[in-house]
Amino acid sequence: MAIRYYNIKPWGRSLKEYVRMFNLTPDDLERKILGCGDGSASFNAELTEQGGNITSVDPVYIFSADQIRQRIDKTYNDIIDQTQKNQDKFIWQEIGSIEELGRIRMSAMEKFLKDFAGGVMQNRYMPGELPFLPFSDKEFDLALCSHLLFLYTENLSLEFHLKSIEELCRVSNEVRIFPLLDANADRSPYAEPIIDYLRARNRNVKEIKVAYEFQKGGNTMLRIC
């Protein structure tokens, strides 16, 4: 059975997961970071607690914490149900079951929701969306994009991906994107055309193996600088 999301879903991941998805070193975590499409991840909240310099941008941040919670509640069962029916597309080792997955994701999203109002006041959560971001050229040292580009291949066009990556490169000195798979754990058909496009424009592009794999085969990120 295929996983099919008709729109982008809130599904929170933690600082620990970001570190592994993006091969983040202690030095990386001291850089000025942009999290693009962070949604309800707790990455911003947790890194801020550790003294990090992190800004998250997502269209969902136009809403209040209560409104975001309502959206989480509305979509949670659909994500869990589709994952349940497609368990063969995932590696159930560190996360041992559907129930554990739900607990881990909800824990991250609760941390985000508790942090959100204060983070908005501090301009750590900013409404905005690709392919046009509300930031200056090279405002950030490192931009991270988790589970948006490539994952939503069925929803977002190749042109959207190209414009979005160019925009991330505009606002940041380095860009990392994870994973290179679509929602069904297949390598996105956009991966090679995008890599070729970027290299033709003299971008330094590397596909790098990372110490994280939940989707089967989803253990590489794209690094662009």
C-alpha atoms as a PDB file:
ATOM      1  CA  MET A   1       0.000   0.000   0.000  1.00  0.00           C
ATOM      2  CA  ALA A   2       1.247   3.488  -0.819  1.00  0.00           C
ATOM      3  CA  ILE A   3       1.526   6.303   1.689  1.00  0.00           C
ATOM      4  CA  ARG A   4      -0.271   9.350   0.347  1.00  0.00           C
ATOM      5  CA  TYR A   5      -0.396  12.726   2.047  1.00  0.00           C
ATOM      6  CA  TYR A   6      -2.614  15.285   0.360  1.00  0.00           C
ATOM      7  CA  ASN A   7      -0.948  18.125   2.221  1.00  0.00           C
ATOM      8  CA  ILE A   8       2.073  18.677   4.430  1.00  0.00           C
ATOM      9  CA  LYS A   9       1.589  17.209   7.899  1.00  0.00           C
ATOM     10  CA  PRO A  10       2.856  18.418  11.299  1.00  0.00           C
ATOM     11  CA  TRP A  11       5.121  15.679  12.661  1.00  0.00           C
ATOM     12  CA  GLY A  12       7.680  16.700  15.261  1.00  0.00           C
ATOM     13  CA  ARG A  13      11.256  15.522  15.482  1.00  0.00           C
ATOM     14  CA  SER A  14      13.742  16.188  18.258  1.00  0.00           C
ATOM     15  CA  LEU A  15      17.172  17.786  18.561  1.00  0.00           C
ATOM     16  CA  LYS A  16      18.688  14.318  18.926  1.00  0.00           C
ATOM     17  CA  GLU A  17      17.160  13.289  15.610  1.00  0.00           C
ATOM     18  CA  TYR A  18      18.275  16.481  13.866  1.00  0.00           C
ATOM     19  CA  VAL A  19      21.842  15.915  15.056  1.00  0.00           C
ATOM     20  CA  ARG A  20      21.859  12.471  13.470  1.00  0.00           C
ATOM     21  CA  MET A  21      19.876  13.339  10.334  1.00  0.00           C
ATOM     22  CA  PHE A  22      22.216  16.206   9.482  1.00  0.00           C
ATOM     23  CA  ASN A  23      25.541  14.994  10.949  1.00  0.00           C
ATOM     24  CA  LEU A  24      25.555  18.039  13.218  1.00  0.00           C
ATOM     25  CA  THR A  25      28.777  18.488  15.170  1.00  0.00           C
ATOM     26  CA  PRO A  26      29.171  20.569  18.346  1.00  0.00           C
ATOM     27  CA  ASP A  27      30.696  23.284  16.139  1.00  0.00           C
ATOM     28  CA  ASP A  28      27.685  23.135  13.805  1.00  0.00           C
ATOM     29  CA  LEU A  29      25.356  23.680  16.754  1.00  0.00           C
ATOM     30  CA  GLU A  30      27.182  26.918  17.592  1.00  0.00           C
ATOM     31  CA  ARG A  31      26.531  28.345  14.124  1.00  0.00           C
ATOM     32  CA  LYS A  32      23.632  30.623  13.197  1.00  0.00           C
ATOM     33  CA  ILE A  33      21.088  28.066  12.005  1.00  0.00           C
ATOM     34  CA  LEU A  34      17.903  28.280   9.963  1.00  0.00           C
ATOM     35  CA  GLY A  35      15.436  25.415  10.269  1.00  0.00           C
ATOM     36  CA  CYS A  36      13.264  25.561   7.168  1.00  0.00           C
ATOM     37  CA  GLY A  37       9.930  23.797   7.401  1.00  0.00           C
ATOM     38  CA  ASP A  38      10.552  22.827  11.030  1.00  0.00           C
ATOM     39  CA  GLY A  39       6.829  22.778  11.741  1.00  0.00           C
ATOM     40  CA  SER A  40       6.186  21.218  15.138  1.00  0.00           C
ATOM     41  CA  ALA A  41       9.719  19.891  15.708  1.00  0.00           C
ATOM     42  CA  SER A  42      11.291  20.501  19.112  1.00  0.00           C
ATOM     43  CA  PHE A  43      14.695  21.250  17.533  1.00  0.00           C
ATOM     44  CA  ASN A  44      14.386  24.993  18.093  1.00  0.00           C
ATOM     45  CA  ALA A  45      13.152  24.672  21.675  1.00  0.00           C
ATOM     46  CA  GLU A  46      15.861  22.210  22.686  1.00  0.00           C
ATOM     47  CA  LEU A  47      18.735  23.966  20.933  1.00  0.00           C
ATOM     48  CA  THR A  48      17.672  27.305  22.413  1.00  0.00           C
ATOM     49  CA  GLU A  49      17.785  25.718  25.884  1.00  0.00           C
ATOM     50  CA  GLN A  50      21.406  24.818  25.138  1.00  0.00           C
ATOM     51  CA  GLY A  51      22.239  28.381  24.103  1.00  0.00           C
ATOM     52  CA  GLY A  52      22.030  27.867  20.350  1.00  0.00           C
ATOM     53  CA  ASN A  53      21.230  30.522  17.749  1.00  0.00           C
ATOM     54  CA  ILE A  54      18.308  29.063  15.812  1.00  0.00           C
ATOM     55  CA  THR A  55      15.475  30.503  13.728  1.00  0.00           C
ATOM     56  CA  SER A  56      12.686  28.292  12.393  1.00  0.00           C
ATOM     57  CA  VAL A  57      10.520  29.295   9.443  1.00  0.00           C
ATOM     58  CA  ASP A  58       7.266  27.608   8.472  1.00  0.00           C
ATOM     59  CA  PRO A  59       3.882  28.757   7.127  1.00  0.00           C
ATOM     60  CA  VAL A  60       2.155  27.118  10.098  1.00  0.00           C
ATOM     61  CA  TYR A  61       3.677  29.728  12.414  1.00  0.00           C
ATOM     62  CA  ILE A  62       1.038  32.214  11.329  1.00  0.00           C
ATOM     63  CA  PHE A  63      -1.293  30.324  13.686  1.00  0.00           C
ATOM     64  CA  SER A  64      -1.442  30.227  17.480  1.00  0.00           C
ATOM     65  CA  ALA A  65      -0.200  27.303  19.555  1.00  0.00           C
ATOM     66  CA  ASP A  66      -3.795  26.220  20.162  1.00  0.00           C
ATOM     67  CA  GLN A  67      -4.559  26.282  16.445  1.00  0.00           C
ATOM     68  CA  ILE A  68      -1.421  24.273  15.674  1.00  0.00           C
ATOM     69  CA  ARG A  69      -2.392  21.772  18.361  1.00  0.00           C
ATOM     70  CA  GLN A  70      -5.782  21.375  16.698  1.00  0.00           C
ATOM     71  CA  ARG A  71      -4.060  20.632  13.399  1.00  0.00           C
ATOM     72  CA  ILE A  72      -1.800  18.076  15.076  1.00  0.00           C
ATOM     73  CA  ASP A  73      -4.821  16.408  16.671  1.00  0.00           C
ATOM     74  CA  LYS A  74      -6.620  16.364  13.321  1.00  0.00           C
ATOM     75  CA  THR A  75      -3.765  14.759  11.368  1.00  0.00           C
ATOM     76  CA  TYR A  76      -2.102  12.519  13.974  1.00  0.00           C
ATOM     77  CA  ASN A  77      -4.338   9.497  13.447  1.00  0.00           C
ATOM     78  CA  ASP A  78      -3.965   9.660   9.659  1.00  0.00           C
ATOM     79  CA  ILE A  79      -0.166   9.582   9.896  1.00  0.00           C
ATOM     80  CA  ILE A  80      -0.191   6.750  12.435  1.00  0.00           C
ATOM     81  CA  ASP A  81      -2.732   4.792  10.379  1.00  0.00           C
ATOM     82  CA  GLN A  82      -0.758   5.119   7.141  1.00  0.00           C
ATOM     83  CA  THR A  83       2.461   4.179   8.937  1.00  0.00           C
ATOM     84  CA  GLN A  84       0.722   1.155  10.482  1.00  0.00           C
ATOM     85  CA  LYS A  85      -0.358  -0.035   7.038  1.00  0.00           C
ATOM     86  CA  ASN A  86       3.136   0.501   5.602  1.00  0.00           C
ATOM     87  CA  GLN A  87       5.376  -0.817   8.364  1.00  0.00           C
ATOM     88  CA  ASP A  88       7.563  -2.575   5.796  1.00  0.00           C
ATOM     89  CA  LYS A  89       8.842   0.829   4.632  1.00  0.00           C
ATOM     90  CA  PHE A  90      10.474   1.537   8.001  1.00  0.00           C
ATOM     91  CA  ILE A  91      13.206   0.098  10.214  1.00  0.00           C
ATOM     92  CA  TRP A  92      11.779  -0.756  13.633  1.00  0.00           C
ATOM     93  CA  GLN A  93      14.922  -0.908  15.748  1.00  0.00           C
ATOM     94  CA  GLU A  94      15.548   2.269  17.726  1.00  0.00           C
ATOM     95  CA  ILE A  95      11.846   3.008  17.417  1.00  0.00           C
ATOM     96  CA  GLY A  96      10.355  -0.371  18.189  1.00  0.00           C
ATOM     97  CA  SER A  97       6.666   0.026  17.450  1.00  0.00           C
ATOM     98  CA  ILE A  98       3.922   2.259  16.104  1.00  0.00           C
ATOM     99  CA  GLU A  99       2.962   3.110  19.685  1.00  0.00           C
ATOM    100  CA  GLU A 100       6.504   4.172  20.547  1.00  0.00           C
ATOM    101  CA  LEU A 101       6.685   6.259  17.379  1.00  0.00           C
ATOM    102  CA  GLY A 102       3.522   8.074  18.421  1.00  0.00           C
ATOM    103  CA  ARG A 103       4.885   8.758  21.906  1.00  0.00           C
ATOM    104  CA  ILE A 104       8.210  10.069  20.572  1.00  0.00           C
ATOM    105  CA  ARG A 105       6.558  12.363  18.040  1.00  0.00           C
ATOM    106  CA  MET A 106       4.005  13.698  20.521  1.00  0.00           C
ATOM    107  CA  SER A 107       6.744  14.355  23.087  1.00  0.00           C
ATOM    108  CA  ALA A 108       8.646  16.481  20.568  1.00  0.00           C
ATOM    109  CA  MET A 109       5.492  18.307  19.506  1.00  0.00           C
ATOM    110  CA  GLU A 110       4.533  19.050  23.117  1.00  0.00           C
ATOM    111  CA  LYS A 111       7.967  20.619  23.695  1.00  0.00           C
ATOM    112  CA  PHE A 112       7.446  22.727  20.592  1.00  0.00           C
ATOM    113  CA  LEU A 113       3.963  23.839  21.646  1.00  0.00           C
ATOM    114  CA  LYS A 114       5.160  24.877  25.118  1.00  0.00           C
ATOM    115  CA  ASP A 115       7.984  26.903  23.569  1.00  0.00           C
ATOM    116  CA  PHE A 116       6.068  28.397  20.670  1.00  0.00           C
ATOM    117  CA  ALA A 117       4.507  31.559  22.131  1.00  0.00           C
ATOM    118  CA  GLY A 118       7.753  32.660  23.757  1.00  0.00           C
ATOM    119  CA  GLY A 119       9.703  31.759  20.648  1.00  0.00           C
ATOM    120  CA  VAL A 120       7.428  33.903  18.493  1.00  0.00           C
ATOM    121  CA  MET A 121       8.064  36.861  20.802  1.00  0.00           C
ATOM    122  CA  GLN A 122      11.809  36.279  20.403  1.00  0.00           C
ATOM    123  CA  ASN A 123      11.501  35.935  16.602  1.00  0.00           C
ATOM    124  CA  ARG A 124      12.729  32.348  16.782  1.00  0.00           C
ATOM    125  CA  TYR A 125       9.600  31.120  14.991  1.00  0.00           C
ATOM    126  CA  MET A 126       8.810  33.109  11.874  1.00  0.00           C
ATOM    127  CA  PRO A 127       5.989  32.578   9.380  1.00  0.00           C
ATOM    128  CA  GLY A 128       7.241  32.080   5.850  1.00  0.00           C
ATOM    129  CA  GLU A 129       7.568  29.437   3.194  1.00  0.00           C
ATOM    130  CA  LEU A 130       9.643  28.305   0.292  1.00  0.00           C
ATOM    131  CA  PRO A 131      10.491  29.315  -2.337  1.00  0.00           C
ATOM    132  CA  PHE A 132      10.535  32.890  -0.972  1.00  0.00           C
ATOM    133  CA  LEU A 133      11.978  33.369   2.509  1.00  0.00           C
ATOM    134  CA  PRO A 134      11.838  36.597   4.564  1.00  0.00           C
ATOM    135  CA  PHE A 135      15.593  36.785   5.158  1.00  0.00           C
ATOM    136  CA  SER A 136      18.604  38.676   3.836  1.00  0.00           C
ATOM    137  CA  ASP A 137      21.319  37.198   1.637  1.00  0.00           C
ATOM    138  CA  LYS A 138      23.641  34.915   3.626  1.00  0.00           C
ATOM    139  CA  GLU A 139      21.871  35.733   6.881  1.00  0.00           C
ATOM    140  CA  PHE A 140      22.591  32.232   8.199  1.00  0.00           C
ATOM    141  CA  ASP A 141      25.623  29.991   8.451  1.00  0.00           C
ATOM    142  CA  LEU A 142      23.656  26.776   8.016  1.00  0.00           C
ATOM    143  CA  ALA A 143      20.161  26.008   6.707  1.00  0.00           C
ATOM    144  CA  LEU A 144      18.531  22.663   7.489  1.00  0.00           C
ATOM    145  CA  CYS A 145      15.482  21.296   5.705  1.00  0.00           C
ATOM    146  CA  SER A 146      13.999  18.145   7.232  1.00  0.00           C
ATOM    147  CA  HIS A 147      11.254  15.995   5.712  1.00  0.00           C
ATOM    148  CA  LEU A 148       9.916  18.542   3.249  1.00  0.00           C
ATOM    149  CA  LEU A 149      11.885  18.699   0.017  1.00  0.00           C
ATOM    150  CA  PHE A 150      12.077  15.298  -1.710  1.00  0.00           C
ATOM    151  CA  LEU A 151       9.722  13.727   0.859  1.00  0.00           C
ATOM    152  CA  TYR A 152       6.733  15.522  -0.689  1.00  0.00           C
ATOM    153  CA  THR A 153       7.737  14.752  -4.275  1.00  0.00           C
ATOM    154  CA  GLU A 154       4.120  13.914  -5.102  1.00  0.00           C
ATOM    155  CA  ASN A 155       2.916  17.287  -3.827  1.00  0.00           C
ATOM    156  CA  LEU A 156       5.717  19.663  -4.842  1.00  0.00           C
ATOM    157  CA  SER A 157       7.038  20.060  -8.388  1.00  0.00           C
ATOM    158  CA  LEU A 158      10.623  19.816  -9.585  1.00  0.00           C
ATOM    159  CA  GLU A 159      10.502  23.538 -10.356  1.00  0.00           C
ATOM    160  CA  PHE A 160       9.430  24.226  -6.772  1.00  0.00           C
ATOM    161  CA  HIS A 161      12.346  22.150  -5.486  1.00  0.00           C
ATOM    162  CA  LEU A 162      14.874  23.959  -7.678  1.00  0.00           C
ATOM    163  CA  LYS A 163      13.616  27.406  -6.698  1.00  0.00           C
ATOM    164  CA  SER A 164      13.484  26.409  -3.040  1.00  0.00           C
ATOM    165  CA  ILE A 165      17.044  25.116  -2.956  1.00  0.00           C
ATOM    166  CA  GLU A 166      18.296  28.229  -4.731  1.00  0.00           C
ATOM    167  CA  GLU A 167      16.485  30.298  -2.110  1.00  0.00           C
ATOM    168  CA  LEU A 168      18.036  28.319   0.737  1.00  0.00           C
ATOM    169  CA  CYS A 169      21.448  28.876  -0.845  1.00  0.00           C
ATOM    170  CA  ARG A 170      20.678  32.595  -1.059  1.00  0.00           C
ATOM    171  CA  VAL A 171      19.974  32.987   2.650  1.00  0.00           C
ATOM    172  CA  SER A 172      22.618  30.589   3.989  1.00  0.00           C
ATOM    173  CA  ASN A 173      26.261  29.726   3.406  1.00  0.00           C
ATOM    174  CA  GLU A 174      25.521  26.008   3.621  1.00  0.00           C
ATOM    175  CA  VAL A 175      22.382  23.929   3.079  1.00  0.00           C
ATOM    176  CA  ARG A 176      21.616  20.398   4.244  1.00  0.00           C
ATOM    177  CA  ILE A 177      18.499  18.490   3.163  1.00  0.00           C
ATOM    178  CA  PHE A 178      17.237  15.189   4.604  1.00  0.00           C
ATOM    179  CA  PRO A 179      16.069  12.689   3.411  1.00  0.00           C
ATOM    180  CA  LEU A 180      16.357  12.152  -0.346  1.00  0.00           C
ATOM    181  CA  LEU A 181      13.417   9.749  -0.279  1.00  0.00           C
ATOM    182  CA  ASP A 182       9.750  10.349  -0.947  1.00  0.00           C
ATOM    183  CA  ALA A 183       6.971   9.406   1.468  1.00  0.00           C
ATOM    184  CA  ASN A 184       7.030   5.794   0.246  1.00  0.00           C
ATOM    185  CA  ALA A 185      10.742   5.318   0.970  1.00  0.00           C
ATOM    186  CA  ASP A 186      11.657   5.458  -2.720  1.00  0.00           C
ATOM    187  CA  ARG A 187      14.479   7.693  -3.866  1.00  0.00           C
ATOM    188  CA  SER A 188      12.892  10.870  -5.159  1.00  0.00           C
ATOM    189  CA  PRO A 189      13.003  11.113  -8.960  1.00  0.00           C
ATOM    190  CA  TYR A 190      14.033  14.727  -8.393  1.00  0.00           C
ATOM    191  CA  ALA A 191      17.305  13.824  -6.666  1.00  0.00           C
ATOM    192  CA  GLU A 192      19.507  13.315  -9.724  1.00  0.00           C
ATOM    193  CA  PRO A 193      18.106  16.220 -11.794  1.00  0.00           C
ATOM    194  CA  ILE A 194      18.599  18.545  -8.826  1.00  0.00           C
ATOM    195  CA  ILE A 195      22.149  17.363  -8.167  1.00  0.00           C
ATOM    196  CA  ASP A 196      22.985  17.787 -11.862  1.00  0.00           C
ATOM    197  CA  TYR A 197      21.356  21.226 -11.936  1.00  0.00           C
ATOM    198  CA  LEU A 198      23.329  22.438  -8.927  1.00  0.00           C
ATOM    199  CA  ARG A 199      26.649  21.069 -10.155  1.00  0.00           C
ATOM    200  CA  ALA A 200      26.093  22.694 -13.547  1.00  0.00           C
ATOM    201  CA  ARG A 201      25.907  25.978 -11.637  1.00  0.00           C
ATOM    202  CA  ASN A 202      29.182  25.269  -9.846  1.00  0.00           C
ATOM    203  CA  ARG A 203      27.618  24.429  -6.509  1.00  0.00           C
ATOM    204  CA  ASN A 204      29.576  22.109  -4.257  1.00  0.00           C
ATOM    205  CA  VAL A 205      27.100  19.249  -3.807  1.00  0.00           C
ATOM    206  CA  LYS A 206      27.659  16.050  -1.841  1.00  0.00           C
ATOM    207  CA  GLU A 207      25.370  13.226  -0.830  1.00  0.00           C
ATOM    208  CA  ILE A 208      26.553  12.163   2.613  1.00  0.00           C
ATOM    209  CA  LYS A 209      25.652   9.092   4.644  1.00  0.00           C
ATOM    210  CA  VAL A 210      24.288   9.864   8.108  1.00  0.00           C
ATOM    211  CA  ALA A 211      23.827   7.895  11.328  1.00  0.00           C
ATOM    212  CA  TYR A 212      20.031   7.935  11.096  1.00  0.00           C
ATOM    213  CA  GLU A 213      17.666   5.647   9.241  1.00  0.00           C
ATOM    214  CA  PHE A 214      13.977   5.199   9.979  1.00  0.00           C
ATOM    215  CA  GLN A 215      12.633   5.054   6.441  1.00  0.00           C
ATOM    216  CA  LYS A 216      14.379   2.139   4.753  1.00  0.00           C
ATOM    217  CA  GLY A 217      17.215   3.559   2.693  1.00  0.00           C
ATOM    218  CA  GLY A 218      16.727   7.021   4.176  1.00  0.00           C
ATOM    219  CA  ASN A 219      20.232   7.446   5.522  1.00  0.00           C
ATOM    220  CA  THR A 220      21.750  10.161   3.338  1.00  0.00           C
ATOM    221  CA  MET A 221      21.518  13.933   3.276  1.00  0.00           C
ATOM    222  CA  LEU A 222      22.328  16.414   0.537  1.00  0.00           C
ATOM    223  CA  ARG A 223      24.933  19.029   1.471  1.00  0.00           C
ATOM    224  CA  ILE A 224      25.194  22.130  -0.698  1.00  0.00           C
ATOM    225  CA  CYS A 225      27.602  25.024  -0.308  1.00  0.00           C
END
